[in-house]
Amino acid sequence: MTNNKRLTTLSIATFSLLNFSACSISFEPNKNTAPINQHQTLGVDFTWEGTSRCLGESPKITLTGVPESTHKLEFSLKDIYFPFFPHGGGSFTYNDTNVILEGKITEAEGHYIGPCAPPFFPGKYQFSVKALNINGDTLAEGNATRPFPHR
């Protein structure tokens, strides 16, 4: 065997051994560390049906899994394709109703601007919702993303 072939064979063997050894190393997580930002998950569902482009009211939104100690709901709308556009949102006191009627976020405390994708480009938007306790701490959060109908 020539020196180049021996060197190549030795290199492959060394690489394989190191690679195998790295795969067998396991790390034990620190059990004394509290989970970061661990909240319950809210179910969020909505449809754009009947919503006008740029001038529309907020859609009807259905929530599931809202914690009992929820004091306030906070909503925000994000344009997936143009995230720099400030669609805003709104917040209001939770009244144990998990169906948020059309227009409720538009009328809420905050600044809501509905979907405003150009007519030649179908938009995609995400509603995020947070359930807050009386101190303003997040209890649960969730989101849903839907395309805005191309018209």
N, C-alpha and C. Protein backbone atom coordinates (compact mmCIF):
# COMPACT_ATOMS: atom_id res chain seq x y z
N MET A 1 0.85 -1.18 0.00
CA MET A 1 0.00 0.00 0.00
C MET A 1 0.89 1.24 0.00
N THR A 2 0.55 2.21 -0.80
CA THR A 2 1.35 3.43 -0.87
C THR A 2 1.04 4.32 0.33
N ASN A 3 1.93 5.28 0.56
CA ASN A 3 1.74 6.19 1.70
C ASN A 3 0.45 7.00 1.58
N ASN A 4 0.07 7.43 0.36
CA ASN A 4 -1.17 8.20 0.16
C ASN A 4 -2.39 7.36 0.51
N LYS A 5 -2.40 6.09 0.11
CA LYS A 5 -3.54 5.21 0.41
C LYS A 5 -3.63 4.96 1.91
N ARG A 6 -2.46 4.76 2.58
CA ARG A 6 -2.45 4.54 4.02
C ARG A 6 -2.96 5.78 4.76
N LEU A 7 -2.50 6.94 4.30
CA LEU A 7 -2.94 8.19 4.91
C LEU A 7 -4.44 8.39 4.74
N THR A 8 -4.97 8.09 3.54
CA THR A 8 -6.41 8.21 3.28
C THR A 8 -7.19 7.23 4.15
N THR A 9 -6.74 5.99 4.24
CA THR A 9 -7.42 4.97 5.05
C THR A 9 -7.38 5.37 6.52
N LEU A 10 -6.24 5.84 7.00
CA LEU A 10 -6.10 6.28 8.39
C LEU A 10 -7.01 7.48 8.67
N SER A 11 -7.09 8.42 7.73
CA SER A 11 -7.94 9.60 7.90
C SER A 11 -9.41 9.21 7.98
N ILE A 12 -9.85 8.30 7.12
CA ILE A 12 -11.25 7.85 7.13
C ILE A 12 -11.56 7.14 8.44
N ALA A 13 -10.65 6.28 8.89
CA ALA A 13 -10.86 5.55 10.14
C ALA A 13 -10.93 6.50 11.32
N THR A 14 -10.03 7.48 11.36
CA THR A 14 -10.02 8.45 12.45
C THR A 14 -11.29 9.29 12.44
N PHE A 15 -11.72 9.76 11.26
CA PHE A 15 -12.94 10.55 11.14
C PHE A 15 -14.14 9.74 11.61
N SER A 16 -14.23 8.48 11.18
CA SER A 16 -15.35 7.62 11.57
C SER A 16 -15.40 7.41 13.07
N LEU A 17 -14.23 7.18 13.68
CA LEU A 17 -14.16 6.97 15.12
C LEU A 17 -14.57 8.23 15.87
N LEU A 18 -14.08 9.38 15.45
CA LEU A 18 -14.46 10.64 16.10
C LEU A 18 -15.94 10.93 15.93
N ASN A 19 -16.44 10.70 14.76
CA ASN A 19 -17.85 10.94 14.47
C ASN A 19 -18.73 10.03 15.33
N PHE A 20 -18.37 8.75 15.46
CA PHE A 20 -19.13 7.81 16.26
C PHE A 20 -19.08 8.20 17.73
N SER A 21 -17.90 8.62 18.19
CA SER A 21 -17.75 9.02 19.60
C SER A 21 -18.60 10.24 19.92
N ALA A 22 -18.63 11.20 19.00
CA ALA A 22 -19.43 12.42 19.22
C ALA A 22 -20.90 12.10 19.31
N CYS A 23 -21.36 11.12 18.54
CA CYS A 23 -22.78 10.76 18.55
C CYS A 23 -23.18 10.08 19.84
N SER A 24 -22.23 9.45 20.53
CA SER A 24 -22.58 8.70 21.73
C SER A 24 -22.51 9.55 23.00
N ILE A 25 -22.05 10.79 22.89
CA ILE A 25 -21.97 11.66 24.06
C ILE A 25 -23.37 12.19 24.34
N SER A 26 -23.77 12.13 25.62
CA SER A 26 -25.08 12.68 25.98
C SER A 26 -24.88 13.73 27.07
N PHE A 27 -25.75 14.68 27.08
CA PHE A 27 -25.69 15.76 28.05
C PHE A 27 -26.91 15.69 28.95
N GLU A 28 -26.70 15.81 30.22
CA GLU A 28 -27.77 15.80 31.21
C GLU A 28 -28.24 17.24 31.43
N PRO A 29 -29.52 17.53 31.19
CA PRO A 29 -29.97 18.91 31.41
C PRO A 29 -29.90 19.27 32.89
N ASN A 30 -29.71 20.55 33.18
CA ASN A 30 -29.68 21.03 34.54
C ASN A 30 -31.11 20.99 35.08
N LYS A 31 -31.35 20.12 36.04
CA LYS A 31 -32.71 19.93 36.56
C LYS A 31 -33.13 21.03 37.52
N ASN A 32 -32.19 21.91 37.88
CA ASN A 32 -32.51 23.00 38.80
C ASN A 32 -32.96 24.26 38.09
N THR A 33 -32.98 24.25 36.77
CA THR A 33 -33.34 25.43 35.99
C THR A 33 -34.84 25.40 35.69
N ALA A 34 -35.52 26.49 35.97
CA ALA A 34 -36.95 26.58 35.66
C ALA A 34 -37.15 26.78 34.17
N PRO A 35 -38.23 26.23 33.60
CA PRO A 35 -38.49 26.44 32.17
C PRO A 35 -38.72 27.92 31.87
N ILE A 36 -38.22 28.36 30.73
CA ILE A 36 -38.35 29.76 30.33
C ILE A 36 -39.62 29.93 29.50
N ASN A 37 -40.44 30.94 29.84
CA ASN A 37 -41.64 31.29 29.08
C ASN A 37 -42.55 30.09 28.81
N GLN A 38 -42.79 29.30 29.82
CA GLN A 38 -43.68 28.17 29.62
C GLN A 38 -45.10 28.59 29.97
N HIS A 39 -45.94 28.73 28.95
CA HIS A 39 -47.32 29.15 29.12
C HIS A 39 -48.22 28.07 28.54
N GLN A 40 -49.48 28.12 28.93
CA GLN A 40 -50.46 27.26 28.31
C GLN A 40 -50.64 27.71 26.86
N THR A 41 -51.17 26.83 26.04
CA THR A 41 -51.41 27.17 24.64
C THR A 41 -52.90 27.46 24.44
N LEU A 42 -53.17 28.60 23.83
CA LEU A 42 -54.54 28.95 23.45
C LEU A 42 -54.82 28.41 22.06
N GLY A 43 -56.01 27.88 21.86
CA GLY A 43 -56.45 27.55 20.52
C GLY A 43 -57.05 28.80 19.90
N VAL A 44 -56.65 29.12 18.69
CA VAL A 44 -57.12 30.33 18.01
C VAL A 44 -57.62 29.92 16.63
N ASP A 45 -58.84 30.33 16.28
CA ASP A 45 -59.40 30.03 14.97
C ASP A 45 -60.15 31.25 14.46
N PHE A 46 -60.00 31.54 13.18
CA PHE A 46 -60.73 32.66 12.58
C PHE A 46 -60.86 32.44 11.08
N THR A 47 -61.71 33.24 10.47
CA THR A 47 -61.87 33.23 9.01
C THR A 47 -61.96 34.67 8.53
N TRP A 48 -61.51 34.89 7.30
CA TRP A 48 -61.60 36.23 6.71
C TRP A 48 -62.91 36.43 5.96
N GLU A 49 -63.78 35.46 5.98
CA GLU A 49 -65.04 35.55 5.24
C GLU A 49 -65.79 36.83 5.61
N GLY A 50 -66.14 37.62 4.61
CA GLY A 50 -66.88 38.86 4.82
C GLY A 50 -66.02 40.06 5.19
N THR A 51 -64.71 39.88 5.30
CA THR A 51 -63.82 40.97 5.68
C THR A 51 -63.37 41.73 4.43
N SER A 52 -63.53 43.05 4.45
CA SER A 52 -63.10 43.89 3.34
C SER A 52 -61.62 44.19 3.45
N ARG A 53 -60.98 44.31 2.31
CA ARG A 53 -59.55 44.62 2.25
C ARG A 53 -59.31 46.06 2.70
N CYS A 54 -58.38 46.24 3.60
CA CYS A 54 -57.90 47.53 4.13
C CYS A 54 -58.87 48.24 5.07
N LEU A 55 -60.14 48.14 4.85
CA LEU A 55 -61.09 48.89 5.67
C LEU A 55 -61.93 48.01 6.58
N GLY A 56 -61.72 46.71 6.51
CA GLY A 56 -62.59 45.78 7.22
C GLY A 56 -62.44 45.81 8.72
N GLU A 57 -63.48 45.33 9.37
CA GLU A 57 -63.44 45.15 10.81
C GLU A 57 -62.70 43.86 11.12
N SER A 58 -62.32 43.71 12.36
CA SER A 58 -61.67 42.48 12.77
C SER A 58 -62.63 41.31 12.60
N PRO A 59 -62.11 40.13 12.26
CA PRO A 59 -62.99 38.98 12.03
C PRO A 59 -63.46 38.35 13.34
N LYS A 60 -64.42 37.48 13.23
CA LYS A 60 -64.85 36.66 14.37
C LYS A 60 -63.71 35.70 14.69
N ILE A 61 -63.35 35.59 15.96
CA ILE A 61 -62.27 34.72 16.41
C ILE A 61 -62.81 33.81 17.50
N THR A 62 -62.48 32.54 17.42
CA THR A 62 -62.89 31.57 18.42
C THR A 62 -61.64 31.10 19.18
N LEU A 63 -61.73 31.13 20.51
CA LEU A 63 -60.62 30.71 21.37
C LEU A 63 -60.98 29.45 22.14
N THR A 64 -59.98 28.62 22.40
CA THR A 64 -60.15 27.47 23.28
C THR A 64 -58.98 27.45 24.25
N GLY A 65 -59.23 26.89 25.43
CA GLY A 65 -58.16 26.76 26.42
C GLY A 65 -57.82 28.03 27.16
N VAL A 66 -58.78 28.95 27.27
CA VAL A 66 -58.53 30.20 28.00
C VAL A 66 -58.53 29.89 29.50
N PRO A 67 -57.42 30.20 30.21
CA PRO A 67 -57.35 29.91 31.65
C PRO A 67 -58.42 30.65 32.44
N GLU A 68 -58.86 30.04 33.53
CA GLU A 68 -59.91 30.63 34.37
C GLU A 68 -59.52 31.99 34.94
N SER A 69 -58.24 32.18 35.25
CA SER A 69 -57.81 33.43 35.89
C SER A 69 -57.47 34.53 34.88
N THR A 70 -57.93 34.37 33.64
CA THR A 70 -57.68 35.40 32.62
C THR A 70 -58.47 36.66 32.95
N HIS A 71 -57.78 37.78 32.93
CA HIS A 71 -58.41 39.08 33.17
C HIS A 71 -58.55 39.87 31.87
N LYS A 72 -57.56 39.74 30.98
CA LYS A 72 -57.54 40.53 29.76
C LYS A 72 -57.06 39.68 28.60
N LEU A 73 -57.57 39.95 27.41
CA LEU A 73 -57.10 39.33 26.17
C LEU A 73 -56.40 40.39 25.34
N GLU A 74 -55.27 40.02 24.77
CA GLU A 74 -54.49 40.94 23.95
C GLU A 74 -54.31 40.30 22.57
N PHE A 75 -54.68 41.03 21.53
CA PHE A 75 -54.63 40.54 20.16
C PHE A 75 -53.65 41.36 19.33
N SER A 76 -52.98 40.71 18.40
CA SER A 76 -52.16 41.44 17.43
C SER A 76 -52.25 40.73 16.09
N LEU A 77 -52.15 41.53 15.03
CA LEU A 77 -52.21 41.01 13.67
C LEU A 77 -50.89 41.28 12.98
N LYS A 78 -50.34 40.26 12.35
CA LYS A 78 -49.05 40.39 11.66
C LYS A 78 -49.19 39.92 10.22
N ASP A 79 -48.67 40.71 9.32
CA ASP A 79 -48.61 40.35 7.90
C ASP A 79 -47.37 39.48 7.72
N ILE A 80 -47.55 38.24 7.31
CA ILE A 80 -46.44 37.30 7.17
C ILE A 80 -45.47 37.74 6.08
N TYR A 81 -45.98 38.26 4.98
CA TYR A 81 -45.12 38.66 3.86
C TYR A 81 -44.52 40.06 4.03
N PHE A 82 -45.21 40.92 4.77
CA PHE A 82 -44.73 42.29 5.01
C PHE A 82 -44.81 42.58 6.51
N PRO A 83 -43.96 41.94 7.33
CA PRO A 83 -44.06 42.07 8.78
C PRO A 83 -43.80 43.47 9.32
N PHE A 84 -43.22 44.34 8.51
CA PHE A 84 -42.94 45.70 8.96
C PHE A 84 -44.20 46.57 8.96
N PHE A 85 -45.28 46.14 8.29
CA PHE A 85 -46.50 46.93 8.24
C PHE A 85 -47.21 46.84 9.59
N PRO A 86 -47.52 47.97 10.23
CA PRO A 86 -48.10 47.96 11.58
C PRO A 86 -49.61 47.73 11.59
N HIS A 87 -50.03 46.48 11.61
CA HIS A 87 -51.47 46.17 11.67
C HIS A 87 -52.01 46.34 13.08
N GLY A 88 -51.13 46.31 14.07
CA GLY A 88 -51.55 46.54 15.44
C GLY A 88 -52.41 45.45 16.00
N GLY A 89 -53.37 45.84 16.81
CA GLY A 89 -54.25 44.89 17.48
C GLY A 89 -55.10 45.61 18.49
N GLY A 90 -55.41 44.93 19.55
CA GLY A 90 -56.24 45.54 20.59
C GLY A 90 -56.32 44.63 21.79
N SER A 91 -56.81 45.19 22.90
CA SER A 91 -56.98 44.40 24.12
C SER A 91 -58.26 44.83 24.81
N PHE A 92 -58.82 43.91 25.54
CA PHE A 92 -60.03 44.20 26.31
C PHE A 92 -60.17 43.21 27.45
N THR A 93 -61.00 43.56 28.41
CA THR A 93 -61.25 42.70 29.57
C THR A 93 -61.99 41.45 29.12
N TYR A 94 -61.52 40.32 29.58
CA TYR A 94 -62.12 39.03 29.24
C TYR A 94 -63.40 38.85 30.05
N ASN A 95 -64.47 38.43 29.36
CA ASN A 95 -65.76 38.26 30.03
C ASN A 95 -66.27 36.81 29.94
N ASP A 96 -65.36 35.86 29.94
CA ASP A 96 -65.69 34.42 29.89
C ASP A 96 -66.34 34.00 28.58
N THR A 97 -66.24 34.81 27.55
CA THR A 97 -66.78 34.45 26.24
C THR A 97 -65.62 34.09 25.33
N ASN A 98 -65.66 32.88 24.76
CA ASN A 98 -64.56 32.41 23.92
C ASN A 98 -64.79 32.67 22.44
N VAL A 99 -65.90 33.31 22.10
CA VAL A 99 -66.15 33.72 20.72
C VAL A 99 -66.09 35.24 20.70
N ILE A 100 -65.08 35.75 20.02
CA ILE A 100 -64.88 37.19 19.91
C ILE A 100 -65.59 37.63 18.63
N LEU A 101 -66.62 38.40 18.76
CA LEU A 101 -67.44 38.78 17.62
C LEU A 101 -66.71 39.68 16.63
N GLU A 102 -67.16 39.65 15.40
CA GLU A 102 -66.60 40.50 14.34
C GLU A 102 -66.65 41.96 14.78
N GLY A 103 -65.54 42.67 14.63
CA GLY A 103 -65.47 44.08 14.98
C GLY A 103 -65.03 44.37 16.41
N LYS A 104 -64.99 43.36 17.27
CA LYS A 104 -64.66 43.57 18.69
C LYS A 104 -63.23 44.12 18.86
N ILE A 105 -62.27 43.58 18.09
CA ILE A 105 -60.89 44.06 18.22
C ILE A 105 -60.76 45.45 17.62
N THR A 106 -61.49 45.72 16.55
CA THR A 106 -61.48 47.04 15.93
C THR A 106 -61.93 48.09 16.94
N GLU A 107 -62.91 47.75 17.78
CA GLU A 107 -63.46 48.68 18.77
C GLU A 107 -62.67 48.71 20.08
N ALA A 108 -61.75 47.76 20.26
CA ALA A 108 -61.03 47.61 21.53
C ALA A 108 -59.97 48.68 21.72
N GLU A 109 -59.41 48.70 22.93
CA GLU A 109 -58.29 49.58 23.24
C GLU A 109 -57.09 49.13 22.41
N GLY A 110 -56.56 50.02 21.61
CA GLY A 110 -55.45 49.67 20.74
C GLY A 110 -55.65 50.29 19.37
N HIS A 111 -54.95 49.75 18.39
CA HIS A 111 -55.00 50.28 17.03
C HIS A 111 -54.97 49.12 16.06
N TYR A 112 -56.10 48.76 15.49
CA TYR A 112 -56.20 47.62 14.58
C TYR A 112 -56.42 48.10 13.15
N ILE A 113 -55.61 47.59 12.22
CA ILE A 113 -55.80 47.82 10.79
C ILE A 113 -55.91 46.44 10.14
N GLY A 114 -56.98 46.22 9.44
CA GLY A 114 -57.21 44.91 8.82
C GLY A 114 -56.25 44.61 7.68
N PRO A 115 -56.39 43.42 7.10
CA PRO A 115 -55.54 43.00 5.99
C PRO A 115 -55.61 43.99 4.84
N CYS A 116 -54.44 44.27 4.25
CA CYS A 116 -54.40 45.26 3.19
C CYS A 116 -53.43 44.83 2.09
N ALA A 117 -53.49 43.57 1.72
CA ALA A 117 -52.62 43.07 0.65
C ALA A 117 -53.04 43.70 -0.67
N PRO A 118 -52.08 43.96 -1.55
CA PRO A 118 -52.43 44.49 -2.87
C PRO A 118 -53.38 43.53 -3.58
N PRO A 119 -54.27 44.05 -4.42
CA PRO A 119 -55.26 43.18 -5.07
C PRO A 119 -54.65 42.08 -5.95
N PHE A 120 -53.43 42.29 -6.42
CA PHE A 120 -52.79 41.31 -7.28
C PHE A 120 -51.95 40.30 -6.49
N PHE A 121 -51.91 40.43 -5.15
CA PHE A 121 -51.06 39.57 -4.33
C PHE A 121 -51.85 39.05 -3.13
N PRO A 122 -52.06 37.75 -3.03
CA PRO A 122 -52.80 37.23 -1.87
C PRO A 122 -51.94 37.34 -0.61
N GLY A 123 -52.46 37.94 0.42
CA GLY A 123 -51.71 38.11 1.66
C GLY A 123 -51.85 36.91 2.57
N LYS A 124 -51.02 36.89 3.60
CA LYS A 124 -51.09 35.85 4.62
C LYS A 124 -50.88 36.54 5.95
N TYR A 125 -51.79 36.31 6.89
CA TYR A 125 -51.79 37.05 8.14
C TYR A 125 -51.89 36.11 9.34
N GLN A 126 -51.27 36.55 10.45
CA GLN A 126 -51.29 35.77 11.68
C GLN A 126 -51.88 36.59 12.82
N PHE A 127 -52.93 36.04 13.45
CA PHE A 127 -53.47 36.62 14.67
C PHE A 127 -52.79 35.93 15.84
N SER A 128 -52.22 36.72 16.74
CA SER A 128 -51.65 36.20 17.98
C SER A 128 -52.51 36.70 19.12
N VAL A 129 -52.72 35.83 20.11
CA VAL A 129 -53.58 36.17 21.24
C VAL A 129 -52.85 35.78 22.53
N LYS A 130 -52.91 36.67 23.50
CA LYS A 130 -52.36 36.39 24.83
C LYS A 130 -53.48 36.54 25.85
N ALA A 131 -53.51 35.62 26.80
CA ALA A 131 -54.40 35.71 27.95
C ALA A 131 -53.56 36.21 29.12
N LEU A 132 -53.96 37.33 29.70
CA LEU A 132 -53.19 37.95 30.78
C LEU A 132 -53.96 37.90 32.09
N ASN A 133 -53.24 37.75 33.21
CA ASN A 133 -53.90 37.80 34.51
C ASN A 133 -54.04 39.26 34.94
N ILE A 134 -54.54 39.48 36.13
CA ILE A 134 -54.81 40.85 36.59
C ILE A 134 -53.53 41.67 36.74
N ASN A 135 -52.37 40.99 36.90
CA ASN A 135 -51.09 41.69 37.01
C ASN A 135 -50.44 41.94 35.66
N GLY A 136 -51.06 41.46 34.59
CA GLY A 136 -50.50 41.64 33.25
C GLY A 136 -49.53 40.54 32.84
N ASP A 137 -49.43 39.48 33.66
CA ASP A 137 -48.56 38.35 33.31
C ASP A 137 -49.26 37.46 32.29
N THR A 138 -48.49 36.92 31.36
CA THR A 138 -49.04 36.03 30.33
C THR A 138 -49.33 34.66 30.93
N LEU A 139 -50.59 34.23 30.81
CA LEU A 139 -51.01 32.91 31.28
C LEU A 139 -50.99 31.90 30.14
N ALA A 140 -51.40 32.35 28.97
CA ALA A 140 -51.49 31.46 27.80
C ALA A 140 -51.36 32.32 26.55
N GLU A 141 -50.91 31.68 25.48
CA GLU A 141 -50.82 32.38 24.21
C GLU A 141 -50.99 31.39 23.08
N GLY A 142 -51.43 31.92 21.95
CA GLY A 142 -51.62 31.09 20.77
C GLY A 142 -51.73 31.96 19.54
N ASN A 143 -51.74 31.33 18.38
CA ASN A 143 -51.89 32.09 17.14
C ASN A 143 -52.46 31.19 16.05
N ALA A 144 -52.93 31.83 15.03
CA ALA A 144 -53.43 31.14 13.83
C ALA A 144 -53.08 31.99 12.62
N THR A 145 -52.72 31.33 11.54
CA THR A 145 -52.33 32.02 10.31
C THR A 145 -53.27 31.59 9.19
N ARG A 146 -53.75 32.58 8.44
CA ARG A 146 -54.66 32.30 7.32
C ARG A 146 -54.30 33.20 6.14
N PRO A 147 -54.44 32.66 4.93
CA PRO A 147 -54.27 33.54 3.75
C PRO A 147 -55.48 34.45 3.63
N PHE A 148 -55.25 35.66 3.17
CA PHE A 148 -56.36 36.56 2.91
C PHE A 148 -56.78 36.34 1.45
N PRO A 149 -58.06 36.18 1.22
CA PRO A 149 -58.52 35.85 -0.14
C PRO A 149 -58.06 36.88 -1.17
N HIS A 150 -57.56 36.37 -2.26
CA HIS A 150 -57.16 37.20 -3.40
C HIS A 150 -58.43 37.62 -4.14
N ARG A 151 -58.67 38.91 -4.25
CA ARG A 151 -59.92 39.38 -4.90
C ARG A 151 -59.59 40.28 -6.05
